[in-house]
Amino acid sequence: MNVVRGRYKIFLGMAAGVGKTYRMLQEGQAEAEAGRDVVIGYLEPHGRAETLAQSEGLEFVPRRRVQYRDAVLEEMDLPAILERAPELCLIDELAHTNVPGVEHPKRYEDIVDVLNRGTDVFSTVNVQHLESLNDQVAELTGIRVRETVPDAVIAAADDVVLIDITPESLVERLRAGKVYPAERVPAALSNFF
């Protein structure tokens, strides 16, 4: 039996907090309402209640606990997703570096396995994580982004949805605590943002 590769849609945010995860979840909900079998393979709502609310009613594949050095960390459970074999899997944080000892070093490599099993994937990433922009991002912000994604990963997507808002709206969202917890807002405003 030949398995057709799943379709891949990436929600590309111009910055943290612009709404890419929120939009991915909205579109996932619409697909579920249309009768598709949709699961959340990994969600990182960063404490954003409005984002988490968008996941209500969707099935979650539980995270797996992985021992690393003196800590137990939670990671996406790739084997459980492959076994569950949904029609569509929502996987947040495309640029994430996995804990050593799981199947792949990077989440984008996990996504390739899911796609190759015939499951469609929606995922999210911010523009500052694009490998080819790493030097420019460091020059503009003074911060070198460590987790990057090869441009070929973005180019391989079937659809890329650009998510952006005005700088004023983003600063307003930051100050309202909709992007980071209140204690992180001053540092965010004076550094990366």
N, C-alpha and C. Protein backbone atom coordinates (compact mmCIF):
# COMPACT_ATOMS: atom_id res chain seq x y z
N MET A 1 0.84 -1.18 0.00
CA MET A 1 0.00 0.00 0.00
C MET A 1 0.89 1.25 0.00
N ASN A 2 0.67 2.13 -0.93
CA ASN A 2 1.40 3.39 -0.99
C ASN A 2 0.72 4.43 -0.12
N VAL A 3 1.49 5.06 0.74
CA VAL A 3 0.96 6.12 1.58
C VAL A 3 1.30 7.46 0.93
N VAL A 4 0.29 8.28 0.76
CA VAL A 4 0.51 9.61 0.20
C VAL A 4 0.94 10.54 1.32
N ARG A 5 2.01 11.31 1.07
CA ARG A 5 2.50 12.25 2.07
C ARG A 5 1.39 13.22 2.45
N GLY A 6 1.31 13.53 3.74
CA GLY A 6 0.31 14.49 4.21
C GLY A 6 0.62 15.89 3.71
N ARG A 7 -0.41 16.73 3.73
CA ARG A 7 -0.24 18.15 3.35
C ARG A 7 0.27 18.91 4.56
N TYR A 8 1.10 19.91 4.28
CA TYR A 8 1.77 20.63 5.35
C TYR A 8 1.48 22.12 5.25
N LYS A 9 0.93 22.68 6.33
CA LYS A 9 0.65 24.12 6.41
C LYS A 9 1.41 24.70 7.60
N ILE A 10 2.18 25.75 7.33
CA ILE A 10 2.94 26.43 8.37
C ILE A 10 2.35 27.82 8.59
N PHE A 11 2.11 28.16 9.85
CA PHE A 11 1.68 29.50 10.24
C PHE A 11 2.95 30.23 10.68
N LEU A 12 3.39 31.18 9.85
CA LEU A 12 4.64 31.90 10.04
C LEU A 12 4.35 33.25 10.68
N GLY A 13 4.81 33.41 11.91
CA GLY A 13 4.58 34.66 12.63
C GLY A 13 5.74 35.62 12.46
N MET A 14 5.42 36.90 12.38
CA MET A 14 6.47 37.91 12.26
C MET A 14 7.14 38.19 13.60
N ALA A 15 6.51 37.76 14.71
CA ALA A 15 7.08 37.90 16.05
C ALA A 15 6.25 37.04 17.00
N ALA A 16 6.81 36.76 18.16
CA ALA A 16 6.05 36.08 19.20
C ALA A 16 4.84 36.94 19.56
N GLY A 17 3.70 36.30 19.76
CA GLY A 17 2.53 37.03 20.22
C GLY A 17 1.63 37.58 19.15
N VAL A 18 1.93 37.33 17.87
CA VAL A 18 1.09 37.88 16.80
C VAL A 18 -0.16 37.04 16.54
N GLY A 19 -0.20 35.81 17.06
CA GLY A 19 -1.41 35.00 16.94
C GLY A 19 -1.30 33.77 16.06
N LYS A 20 -0.11 33.28 15.81
CA LYS A 20 0.03 32.13 14.91
C LYS A 20 -0.54 30.85 15.52
N THR A 21 -0.29 30.60 16.80
CA THR A 21 -0.84 29.40 17.44
C THR A 21 -2.35 29.50 17.55
N TYR A 22 -2.83 30.67 17.88
CA TYR A 22 -4.27 30.93 17.96
C TYR A 22 -4.92 30.61 16.62
N ARG A 23 -4.33 31.11 15.54
CA ARG A 23 -4.88 30.88 14.19
C ARG A 23 -4.80 29.41 13.81
N MET A 24 -3.69 28.74 14.14
CA MET A 24 -3.57 27.31 13.85
C MET A 24 -4.70 26.54 14.54
N LEU A 25 -4.97 26.88 15.79
CA LEU A 25 -6.03 26.21 16.53
C LEU A 25 -7.41 26.51 15.94
N GLN A 26 -7.64 27.76 15.55
CA GLN A 26 -8.91 28.12 14.90
C GLN A 26 -9.14 27.28 13.65
N GLU A 27 -8.10 27.17 12.83
CA GLU A 27 -8.24 26.40 11.59
C GLU A 27 -8.39 24.90 11.90
N GLY A 28 -7.70 24.43 12.94
CA GLY A 28 -7.86 23.04 13.36
C GLY A 28 -9.29 22.77 13.82
N GLN A 29 -9.86 23.71 14.57
CA GLN A 29 -11.26 23.58 15.01
C GLN A 29 -12.20 23.53 13.81
N ALA A 30 -11.96 24.38 12.81
CA ALA A 30 -12.80 24.39 11.61
C ALA A 30 -12.71 23.06 10.88
N GLU A 31 -11.53 22.49 10.82
CA GLU A 31 -11.36 21.17 10.17
C GLU A 31 -12.12 20.09 10.96
N ALA A 32 -12.04 20.14 12.28
CA ALA A 32 -12.76 19.17 13.12
C ALA A 32 -14.27 19.32 12.94
N GLU A 33 -14.74 20.56 12.89
CA GLU A 33 -16.17 20.80 12.70
C GLU A 33 -16.64 20.32 11.33
N ALA A 34 -15.72 20.27 10.36
CA ALA A 34 -16.05 19.77 9.02
C ALA A 34 -15.98 18.25 8.97
N GLY A 35 -15.68 17.61 10.10
CA GLY A 35 -15.71 16.16 10.17
C GLY A 35 -14.37 15.46 10.10
N ARG A 36 -13.30 16.20 10.07
CA ARG A 36 -11.97 15.58 10.03
C ARG A 36 -11.53 15.13 11.42
N ASP A 37 -10.69 14.10 11.45
CA ASP A 37 -10.10 13.59 12.68
C ASP A 37 -8.87 14.43 12.99
N VAL A 38 -8.99 15.34 13.97
CA VAL A 38 -7.94 16.30 14.30
C VAL A 38 -7.46 16.06 15.72
N VAL A 39 -6.14 16.02 15.90
CA VAL A 39 -5.57 15.94 17.25
C VAL A 39 -4.50 17.01 17.40
N ILE A 40 -4.24 17.37 18.64
CA ILE A 40 -3.14 18.26 18.96
C ILE A 40 -1.97 17.39 19.39
N GLY A 41 -0.92 17.42 18.58
CA GLY A 41 0.28 16.65 18.88
C GLY A 41 1.17 17.37 19.88
N TYR A 42 1.19 18.69 19.80
CA TYR A 42 1.94 19.48 20.75
C TYR A 42 1.40 20.90 20.73
N LEU A 43 1.15 21.44 21.91
CA LEU A 43 0.67 22.81 22.06
C LEU A 43 1.47 23.48 23.16
N GLU A 44 1.97 24.67 22.86
CA GLU A 44 2.67 25.49 23.85
C GLU A 44 1.95 26.83 23.94
N PRO A 45 0.92 26.92 24.81
CA PRO A 45 0.13 28.16 24.87
C PRO A 45 0.81 29.29 25.63
N HIS A 46 1.97 29.04 26.25
CA HIS A 46 2.71 30.07 26.99
C HIS A 46 1.82 30.78 28.01
N GLY A 47 0.91 30.06 28.61
CA GLY A 47 0.05 30.64 29.64
C GLY A 47 -1.02 31.57 29.11
N ARG A 48 -1.22 31.62 27.81
CA ARG A 48 -2.20 32.51 27.21
C ARG A 48 -3.58 31.84 27.23
N ALA A 49 -4.44 32.33 28.10
CA ALA A 49 -5.77 31.74 28.29
C ALA A 49 -6.58 31.75 26.99
N GLU A 50 -6.49 32.84 26.24
CA GLU A 50 -7.26 32.94 24.99
C GLU A 50 -6.81 31.89 23.98
N THR A 51 -5.51 31.62 23.95
CA THR A 51 -4.99 30.59 23.05
C THR A 51 -5.45 29.22 23.51
N LEU A 52 -5.30 28.94 24.78
CA LEU A 52 -5.71 27.64 25.32
C LEU A 52 -7.20 27.40 25.07
N ALA A 53 -8.01 28.44 25.18
CA ALA A 53 -9.45 28.29 24.95
C ALA A 53 -9.75 27.81 23.53
N GLN A 54 -8.88 28.16 22.58
CA GLN A 54 -9.09 27.72 21.19
C GLN A 54 -8.89 26.22 21.02
N SER A 55 -8.26 25.57 21.99
CA SER A 55 -8.02 24.12 21.89
C SER A 55 -9.15 23.28 22.47
N GLU A 56 -10.10 23.94 23.14
CA GLU A 56 -11.18 23.20 23.80
C GLU A 56 -11.94 22.31 22.82
N GLY A 57 -12.13 21.06 23.24
CA GLY A 57 -12.87 20.11 22.42
C GLY A 57 -12.00 19.30 21.49
N LEU A 58 -10.75 19.70 21.29
CA LEU A 58 -9.84 18.92 20.45
C LEU A 58 -9.09 17.91 21.31
N GLU A 59 -8.86 16.74 20.75
CA GLU A 59 -8.12 15.69 21.44
C GLU A 59 -6.63 16.05 21.50
N PHE A 60 -6.03 15.84 22.67
CA PHE A 60 -4.59 16.04 22.85
C PHE A 60 -3.90 14.67 22.88
N VAL A 61 -2.78 14.54 22.20
CA VAL A 61 -1.91 13.39 22.41
C VAL A 61 -1.04 13.78 23.60
N PRO A 62 -1.11 13.04 24.70
CA PRO A 62 -0.34 13.45 25.89
C PRO A 62 1.16 13.53 25.59
N ARG A 63 1.80 14.48 26.26
CA ARG A 63 3.26 14.59 26.14
C ARG A 63 3.91 13.41 26.83
N ARG A 64 5.11 13.08 26.40
CA ARG A 64 5.86 12.03 27.09
C ARG A 64 6.91 12.68 27.97
N ARG A 65 7.21 11.99 29.05
CA ARG A 65 8.20 12.47 30.00
C ARG A 65 9.52 11.80 29.66
N VAL A 66 10.58 12.64 29.54
CA VAL A 66 11.89 12.15 29.14
C VAL A 66 12.92 12.57 30.19
N GLN A 67 13.65 11.60 30.70
CA GLN A 67 14.71 11.88 31.67
C GLN A 67 15.91 12.46 30.91
N TYR A 68 16.40 13.61 31.37
CA TYR A 68 17.59 14.20 30.80
C TYR A 68 18.41 14.80 31.93
N ARG A 69 19.62 14.25 32.10
CA ARG A 69 20.47 14.64 33.21
C ARG A 69 19.71 14.49 34.52
N ASP A 70 19.54 15.57 35.27
CA ASP A 70 18.86 15.47 36.57
C ASP A 70 17.41 15.94 36.51
N ALA A 71 16.86 16.02 35.31
CA ALA A 71 15.49 16.54 35.18
C ALA A 71 14.63 15.60 34.33
N VAL A 72 13.34 15.70 34.57
CA VAL A 72 12.38 15.02 33.72
C VAL A 72 11.67 16.11 32.92
N LEU A 73 11.79 16.03 31.59
CA LEU A 73 11.22 17.05 30.71
C LEU A 73 10.08 16.45 29.90
N GLU A 74 9.17 17.31 29.45
CA GLU A 74 8.05 16.85 28.63
C GLU A 74 8.32 17.20 27.18
N GLU A 75 8.10 16.23 26.32
CA GLU A 75 8.30 16.39 24.87
C GLU A 75 7.07 15.87 24.13
N MET A 76 6.99 16.24 22.87
CA MET A 76 5.95 15.69 22.00
C MET A 76 6.18 14.18 21.90
N ASP A 77 5.11 13.41 21.92
CA ASP A 77 5.21 11.95 21.86
C ASP A 77 5.02 11.50 20.41
N LEU A 78 6.11 11.52 19.65
CA LEU A 78 6.05 11.14 18.24
C LEU A 78 5.51 9.72 18.03
N PRO A 79 6.00 8.70 18.75
CA PRO A 79 5.45 7.36 18.53
C PRO A 79 3.93 7.29 18.78
N ALA A 80 3.45 8.01 19.79
CA ALA A 80 2.00 7.99 20.07
C ALA A 80 1.22 8.66 18.95
N ILE A 81 1.76 9.73 18.37
CA ILE A 81 1.08 10.39 17.25
C ILE A 81 1.03 9.46 16.05
N LEU A 82 2.15 8.80 15.75
CA LEU A 82 2.19 7.88 14.61
C LEU A 82 1.23 6.72 14.81
N GLU A 83 1.14 6.23 16.04
CA GLU A 83 0.20 5.14 16.34
C GLU A 83 -1.24 5.61 16.23
N ARG A 84 -1.53 6.80 16.71
CA ARG A 84 -2.89 7.35 16.67
C ARG A 84 -3.33 7.63 15.24
N ALA A 85 -2.40 8.04 14.38
CA ALA A 85 -2.63 8.27 12.95
C ALA A 85 -3.88 9.11 12.65
N PRO A 86 -3.93 10.35 13.14
CA PRO A 86 -5.08 11.21 12.82
C PRO A 86 -5.01 11.68 11.37
N GLU A 87 -6.10 12.29 10.91
CA GLU A 87 -6.07 12.90 9.57
C GLU A 87 -5.24 14.17 9.59
N LEU A 88 -5.36 14.94 10.69
CA LEU A 88 -4.66 16.21 10.83
C LEU A 88 -4.09 16.31 12.23
N CYS A 89 -2.81 16.69 12.31
CA CYS A 89 -2.15 16.86 13.62
C CYS A 89 -1.64 18.29 13.71
N LEU A 90 -1.97 18.96 14.81
CA LEU A 90 -1.51 20.32 15.08
C LEU A 90 -0.26 20.24 15.95
N ILE A 91 0.85 20.78 15.43
CA ILE A 91 2.13 20.69 16.14
C ILE A 91 2.75 22.07 16.23
N ASP A 92 2.71 22.63 17.41
CA ASP A 92 3.24 23.96 17.70
C ASP A 92 4.76 23.91 17.79
N GLU A 93 5.41 25.09 17.65
CA GLU A 93 6.84 25.25 17.93
C GLU A 93 7.74 24.43 17.00
N LEU A 94 7.63 24.68 15.71
CA LEU A 94 8.40 23.98 14.68
C LEU A 94 9.90 24.00 14.92
N ALA A 95 10.46 25.07 15.44
CA ALA A 95 11.91 25.22 15.61
C ALA A 95 12.46 24.55 16.87
N HIS A 96 11.61 23.94 17.67
CA HIS A 96 12.00 23.36 18.96
C HIS A 96 13.12 22.33 18.81
N THR A 97 14.08 22.39 19.73
CA THR A 97 15.13 21.38 19.83
C THR A 97 14.68 20.34 20.85
N ASN A 98 14.62 19.09 20.43
CA ASN A 98 14.18 18.01 21.30
C ASN A 98 15.26 17.63 22.32
N VAL A 99 14.83 17.02 23.40
CA VAL A 99 15.73 16.49 24.40
C VAL A 99 16.54 15.34 23.76
N PRO A 100 17.83 15.28 24.01
CA PRO A 100 18.61 14.16 23.48
C PRO A 100 18.01 12.82 23.91
N GLY A 101 18.03 11.86 22.99
CA GLY A 101 17.52 10.53 23.30
C GLY A 101 16.18 10.20 22.67
N VAL A 102 15.47 11.22 22.15
CA VAL A 102 14.23 10.92 21.42
C VAL A 102 14.59 10.67 19.96
N GLU A 103 13.59 10.45 19.13
CA GLU A 103 13.82 10.01 17.75
C GLU A 103 14.68 10.95 16.92
N HIS A 104 14.45 12.25 17.04
CA HIS A 104 15.15 13.23 16.22
C HIS A 104 15.62 14.40 17.07
N PRO A 105 16.70 15.08 16.64
CA PRO A 105 17.15 16.26 17.37
C PRO A 105 16.19 17.44 17.30
N LYS A 106 15.45 17.58 16.21
CA LYS A 106 14.60 18.76 16.01
C LYS A 106 13.14 18.35 15.73
N ARG A 107 12.23 19.23 16.17
CA ARG A 107 10.81 18.95 15.95
C ARG A 107 10.46 18.91 14.46
N TYR A 108 11.08 19.76 13.63
CA TYR A 108 10.75 19.72 12.21
C TYR A 108 11.06 18.35 11.60
N GLU A 109 12.01 17.62 12.17
CA GLU A 109 12.29 16.26 11.70
C GLU A 109 11.18 15.30 12.14
N ASP A 110 10.63 15.52 13.33
CA ASP A 110 9.48 14.72 13.79
C ASP A 110 8.30 14.92 12.83
N ILE A 111 8.10 16.16 12.41
CA ILE A 111 6.99 16.48 11.52
C ILE A 111 7.11 15.76 10.20
N VAL A 112 8.33 15.60 9.70
CA VAL A 112 8.54 14.85 8.45
C VAL A 112 8.02 13.42 8.61
N ASP A 113 8.30 12.79 9.76
CA ASP A 113 7.79 11.43 10.00
C ASP A 113 6.27 11.39 9.98
N VAL A 114 5.64 12.39 10.60
CA VAL A 114 4.17 12.44 10.64
C VAL A 114 3.61 12.61 9.22
N LEU A 115 4.19 13.53 8.48
CA LEU A 115 3.75 13.75 7.09
C LEU A 115 3.93 12.50 6.24
N ASN A 116 5.05 11.81 6.42
CA ASN A 116 5.33 10.62 5.62
C ASN A 116 4.40 9.46 5.94
N ARG A 117 3.70 9.52 7.06
CA ARG A 117 2.68 8.52 7.41
C ARG A 117 1.32 8.86 6.80
N GLY A 118 1.25 10.00 6.10
CA GLY A 118 0.01 10.37 5.44
C GLY A 118 -0.87 11.31 6.23
N THR A 119 -0.38 11.77 7.37
CA THR A 119 -1.13 12.70 8.21
C THR A 119 -0.82 14.13 7.78
N ASP A 120 -1.85 14.95 7.64
CA ASP A 120 -1.66 16.38 7.39
C ASP A 120 -1.17 17.03 8.68
N VAL A 121 -0.36 18.08 8.56
CA VAL A 121 0.18 18.77 9.72
C VAL A 121 0.01 20.27 9.55
N PHE A 122 -0.43 20.92 10.63
CA PHE A 122 -0.38 22.37 10.77
C PHE A 122 0.68 22.63 11.83
N SER A 123 1.61 23.55 11.57
CA SER A 123 2.61 23.89 12.58
C SER A 123 2.87 25.39 12.59
N THR A 124 3.67 25.84 13.55
CA THR A 124 3.92 27.27 13.75
C THR A 124 5.41 27.55 13.91
N VAL A 125 5.82 28.73 13.44
CA VAL A 125 7.20 29.17 13.64
C VAL A 125 7.22 30.69 13.46
N ASN A 126 8.16 31.34 14.11
CA ASN A 126 8.36 32.78 13.94
C ASN A 126 9.49 33.02 12.94
N VAL A 127 9.41 34.13 12.25
CA VAL A 127 10.38 34.46 11.21
C VAL A 127 11.81 34.51 11.75
N GLN A 128 12.00 34.89 13.00
CA GLN A 128 13.35 34.98 13.54
C GLN A 128 14.04 33.62 13.66
N HIS A 129 13.27 32.53 13.50
CA HIS A 129 13.84 31.19 13.58
C HIS A 129 14.33 30.67 12.22
N LEU A 130 14.12 31.42 11.15
CA LEU A 130 14.59 31.00 9.83
C LEU A 130 16.12 31.09 9.79
N GLU A 131 16.75 29.99 9.44
CA GLU A 131 18.21 29.91 9.46
C GLU A 131 18.87 31.02 8.64
N SER A 132 18.33 31.31 7.46
CA SER A 132 18.96 32.30 6.59
C SER A 132 18.89 33.72 7.14
N LEU A 133 18.00 33.95 8.11
CA LEU A 133 17.86 35.29 8.68
C LEU A 133 18.58 35.47 10.01
N ASN A 134 19.27 34.42 10.46
CA ASN A 134 19.86 34.44 11.79
C ASN A 134 20.81 35.61 12.00
N ASP A 135 21.67 35.89 11.04
CA ASP A 135 22.60 37.00 11.20
C ASP A 135 21.88 38.35 11.24
N GLN A 136 20.89 38.53 10.37
CA GLN A 136 20.14 39.80 10.35
C GLN A 136 19.36 39.99 11.64
N VAL A 137 18.76 38.92 12.15
CA VAL A 137 18.00 39.01 13.40
C VAL A 137 18.94 39.42 14.53
N ALA A 138 20.12 38.81 14.58
CA ALA A 138 21.09 39.14 15.63
C ALA A 138 21.54 40.60 15.50
N GLU A 139 21.73 41.05 14.28
CA GLU A 139 22.16 42.43 14.06
C GLU A 139 21.07 43.42 14.48
N LEU A 140 19.83 43.12 14.14
CA LEU A 140 18.72 44.03 14.45
C LEU A 140 18.35 44.06 15.92
N THR A 141 18.40 42.88 16.55
CA THR A 141 17.89 42.78 17.92
C THR A 141 18.99 42.67 18.98
N GLY A 142 20.18 42.31 18.55
CA GLY A 142 21.25 42.06 19.52
C GLY A 142 21.14 40.70 20.17
N ILE A 143 20.22 39.88 19.69
CA ILE A 143 19.99 38.55 20.26
C ILE A 143 20.17 37.50 19.17
N ARG A 144 21.04 36.51 19.43
CA ARG A 144 21.22 35.42 18.48
C ARG A 144 20.23 34.31 18.83
N VAL A 145 19.35 33.99 17.89
CA VAL A 145 18.36 32.94 18.08
C VAL A 145 19.06 31.60 17.91
N ARG A 146 18.94 30.75 18.93
CA ARG A 146 19.63 29.46 18.91
C ARG A 146 18.84 28.38 18.18
N GLU A 147 17.53 28.42 18.28
CA GLU A 147 16.72 27.39 17.62
C GLU A 147 16.31 27.90 16.24
N THR A 148 16.87 27.29 15.21
CA THR A 148 16.58 27.71 13.84
C THR A 148 16.04 26.55 13.02
N VAL A 149 15.44 26.92 11.90
CA VAL A 149 14.86 25.96 10.96
C VAL A 149 15.46 26.23 9.59
N PRO A 150 15.95 25.20 8.90
CA PRO A 150 16.44 25.43 7.55
C PRO A 150 15.33 25.98 6.66
N ASP A 151 15.68 26.90 5.79
CA ASP A 151 14.69 27.49 4.87
C ASP A 151 13.99 26.42 4.04
N ALA A 152 14.69 25.32 3.76
CA ALA A 152 14.11 24.23 2.96
C ALA A 152 12.86 23.64 3.63
N VAL A 153 12.80 23.70 4.95
CA VAL A 153 11.63 23.19 5.66
C VAL A 153 10.41 24.05 5.32
N ILE A 154 10.59 25.35 5.28
CA ILE A 154 9.49 26.26 4.94
C ILE A 154 9.13 26.08 3.46
N ALA A 155 10.14 25.96 2.62
CA ALA A 155 9.91 25.80 1.18
C ALA A 155 9.16 24.50 0.87
N ALA A 156 9.31 23.49 1.70
CA ALA A 156 8.66 22.20 1.47
C ALA A 156 7.18 22.19 1.87
N ALA A 157 6.73 23.23 2.56
CA ALA A 157 5.32 23.29 2.98
C ALA A 157 4.42 23.48 1.77
N ASP A 158 3.22 22.93 1.87
CA ASP A 158 2.22 23.11 0.82
C ASP A 158 1.61 24.50 0.90
N ASP A 159 1.49 25.02 2.13
CA ASP A 159 0.93 26.36 2.37
C ASP A 159 1.69 27.02 3.50
N VAL A 160 1.95 28.32 3.33
CA VAL A 160 2.53 29.12 4.40
C VAL A 160 1.60 30.31 4.60
N VAL A 161 1.10 30.45 5.83
CA VAL A 161 0.18 31.54 6.16
C VAL A 161 0.95 32.54 7.01
N LEU A 162 1.09 33.76 6.52
CA LEU A 162 1.80 34.80 7.24
C LEU A 162 0.87 35.44 8.27
N ILE A 163 1.30 35.48 9.52
CA ILE A 163 0.52 36.06 10.61
C ILE A 163 1.29 37.26 11.14
N ASP A 164 0.66 38.44 11.11
CA ASP A 164 1.33 39.65 11.56
C ASP A 164 0.29 40.62 12.10
N ILE A 165 0.74 41.52 12.94
CA ILE A 165 -0.08 42.64 13.42
C ILE A 165 0.82 43.87 13.44
N THR A 166 0.24 45.03 13.63
CA THR A 166 1.04 46.25 13.67
C THR A 166 1.94 46.25 14.91
N PRO A 167 3.07 46.95 14.85
CA PRO A 167 3.92 47.03 16.04
C PRO A 167 3.18 47.60 17.25
N GLU A 168 2.31 48.59 17.01
CA GLU A 168 1.55 49.19 18.12
C GLU A 168 0.63 48.16 18.78
N SER A 169 -0.02 47.34 17.96
CA SER A 169 -0.91 46.30 18.50
C SER A 169 -0.12 45.26 19.28
N LEU A 170 1.07 44.91 18.77
CA LEU A 170 1.89 43.93 19.47
C LEU A 170 2.35 44.47 20.82
N VAL A 171 2.78 45.72 20.87
CA VAL A 171 3.20 46.32 22.14
C VAL A 171 2.01 46.38 23.10
N GLU A 172 0.84 46.71 22.58
CA GLU A 172 -0.38 46.72 23.40
C GLU A 172 -0.67 45.33 23.97
N ARG A 173 -0.52 44.31 23.13
CA ARG A 173 -0.72 42.92 23.58
C ARG A 173 0.31 42.55 24.66
N LEU A 174 1.55 42.98 24.44
CA LEU A 174 2.60 42.72 25.44
C LEU A 174 2.24 43.35 26.78
N ARG A 175 1.90 44.64 26.74
CA ARG A 175 1.58 45.36 28.00
C ARG A 175 0.35 44.80 28.70
N ALA A 176 -0.57 44.24 27.93
CA ALA A 176 -1.79 43.66 28.50
C ALA A 176 -1.56 42.25 29.05
N GLY A 177 -0.33 41.75 28.92
CA GLY A 177 -0.02 40.41 29.42
C GLY A 177 -0.51 39.29 28.54
N LYS A 178 -0.77 39.57 27.27
CA LYS A 178 -1.30 38.55 26.36
C LYS A 178 -0.20 37.78 25.62
N VAL A 179 1.06 38.21 25.81
CA VAL A 179 2.17 37.53 25.14
C VAL A 179 3.04 36.82 26.17
N TYR A 180 3.43 37.56 27.20
CA TYR A 180 4.27 37.01 28.27
C TYR A 180 3.67 37.38 29.61
N PRO A 181 4.04 36.63 30.67
CA PRO A 181 3.60 37.01 32.00
C PRO A 181 4.12 38.42 32.34
N ALA A 182 3.41 39.11 33.21
CA ALA A 182 3.71 40.51 33.54
C ALA A 182 5.17 40.75 33.91
N GLU A 183 5.79 39.82 34.64
CA GLU A 183 7.18 40.03 35.06
C GLU A 183 8.17 39.99 33.90
N ARG A 184 7.79 39.42 32.76
CA ARG A 184 8.70 39.35 31.60
C ARG A 184 8.50 40.50 30.61
N VAL A 185 7.43 41.26 30.76
CA VAL A 185 7.10 42.31 29.79
C VAL A 185 8.17 43.42 29.71
N PRO A 186 8.64 43.99 30.82
CA PRO A 186 9.65 45.06 30.71
C PRO A 186 10.91 44.60 29.96
N ALA A 187 11.39 43.39 30.26
CA ALA A 187 12.59 42.89 29.58
C ALA A 187 12.30 42.68 28.10
N ALA A 188 11.13 42.15 27.76
CA ALA A 188 10.78 41.93 26.36
C ALA A 188 10.73 43.26 25.60
N LEU A 189 10.12 44.26 26.21
CA LEU A 189 10.00 45.57 25.56
C LEU A 189 11.36 46.25 25.36
N SER A 190 12.26 46.05 26.29
CA SER A 190 13.55 46.73 26.18
C SER A 190 14.59 45.90 25.42
N ASN A 191 14.28 44.64 25.12
CA ASN A 191 15.23 43.80 24.39
C ASN A 191 14.69 43.43 23.01
N PHE A 192 14.16 42.23 22.88
CA PHE A 192 13.80 41.70 21.57
C PHE A 192 12.73 42.53 20.86
N PHE A 193 11.76 43.06 21.60
CA PHE A 193 10.67 43.80 20.98
C PHE A 193 11.00 45.28 20.84
